[in-house]
Amino acid sequence: MKQTDGELALSVAKKSMKIVIFIGMCAVVLLMINIYVMMTQITASAQLSRKLYVLEQALVQNQEDRLVEQAKSKSIKK
């Protein structure tokens, strides 16, 4: 059976729509993966910033404690 031009055009249009839908779904999946990676990076960056802040506060507290100890030892020596 020979297809008419109209049937051939309809067949090609259906196949092209399937291809477009498939590519669209692939794009959505890749977009979701990209968003997941970005959120993971943001979370990791926030955790690193928090750890850095805690370490800085511990260092400041340690320095203050040393200064207090030195001041006490100097006052006792006098």
Protein backbone atom coordinates (compact mmCIF):
# COMPACT_ATOMS: atom_id res chain seq x y z
CA MET A 1 0.00 0.00 0.00
CA LYS A 2 1.27 3.36 -0.97
CA GLN A 3 0.86 6.24 1.48
CA THR A 4 -0.58 9.47 0.25
CA ASP A 5 1.17 12.72 0.88
CA GLY A 6 -1.24 13.60 3.68
CA GLU A 7 -0.71 10.28 5.48
CA LEU A 8 3.06 10.62 5.11
CA ALA A 9 2.98 14.14 6.51
CA LEU A 10 0.84 12.99 9.45
CA SER A 11 3.21 10.10 10.14
CA VAL A 12 6.24 12.38 10.08
CA ALA A 13 4.47 14.90 12.33
CA LYS A 14 3.64 12.18 14.89
CA LYS A 15 7.22 10.94 14.94
CA SER A 16 8.59 14.45 15.28
CA MET A 17 6.21 15.14 18.19
CA LYS A 18 7.43 12.00 19.95
CA ILE A 19 11.02 13.15 19.47
CA VAL A 20 10.20 16.64 20.81
CA ILE A 21 8.45 15.20 23.86
CA PHE A 22 11.38 12.86 24.54
CA ILE A 23 13.90 15.69 24.27
CA GLY A 24 11.72 17.85 26.52
CA MET A 25 11.61 15.11 29.17
CA CYS A 26 15.38 14.70 28.97
CA ALA A 27 15.79 18.45 29.45
CA VAL A 28 13.54 18.39 32.52
CA VAL A 29 15.53 15.51 34.04
CA LEU A 30 18.81 17.32 33.42
CA LEU A 31 17.36 20.49 34.95
CA MET A 32 16.31 18.58 38.07
CA ILE A 33 19.80 17.06 38.39
CA ASN A 34 21.31 20.53 38.03
CA ILE A 35 19.06 21.96 40.75
CA TYR A 36 19.93 19.05 43.06
CA VAL A 37 23.66 19.61 42.57
CA MET A 38 23.31 23.35 43.19
CA MET A 39 21.34 22.79 46.39
CA THR A 40 23.94 20.28 47.58
CA GLN A 41 26.71 22.80 46.93
CA ILE A 42 24.81 25.54 48.77
CA THR A 43 24.27 23.25 51.76
CA ALA A 44 27.93 22.24 51.84
CA SER A 45 29.02 25.86 51.61
CA ALA A 46 26.71 26.85 54.47
CA GLN A 47 28.06 24.03 56.64
CA LEU A 48 31.64 25.07 55.93
CA SER A 49 30.83 28.67 56.80
CA ARG A 50 29.24 27.60 60.06
CA LYS A 51 32.23 25.41 61.00
CA LEU A 52 34.59 28.26 60.18
CA TYR A 53 32.57 30.63 62.38
CA VAL A 54 32.62 28.15 65.28
CA LEU A 55 36.40 27.69 64.93
CA GLU A 56 36.96 31.46 64.84
CA GLN A 57 34.86 31.90 67.98
CA ALA A 58 36.83 29.14 69.72
CA LEU A 59 40.12 30.82 68.78
CA VAL A 60 38.93 34.20 70.03
CA GLN A 61 37.78 32.63 73.31
CA ASN A 62 41.11 30.82 73.64
CA GLN A 63 43.03 34.07 73.09
CA GLU A 64 40.88 35.88 75.64
CA ASP A 65 41.48 33.10 78.17
CA ARG A 66 45.24 33.32 77.61
CA LEU A 67 45.20 37.10 78.11
CA VAL A 68 43.26 36.68 81.35
CA GLU A 69 45.73 34.01 82.52
CA GLN A 70 48.68 36.27 81.70
CA ALA A 71 47.10 39.21 83.50
CA LYS A 72 46.47 37.04 86.58
CA SER A 73 50.01 35.69 86.58
CA LYS A 74 51.45 39.22 86.28
CA SER A 75 49.29 40.51 89.12
CA ILE A 76 50.32 37.59 91.34
CA LYS A 77 54.05 38.21 90.62
CA LYS A 78 53.76 41.86 91.69
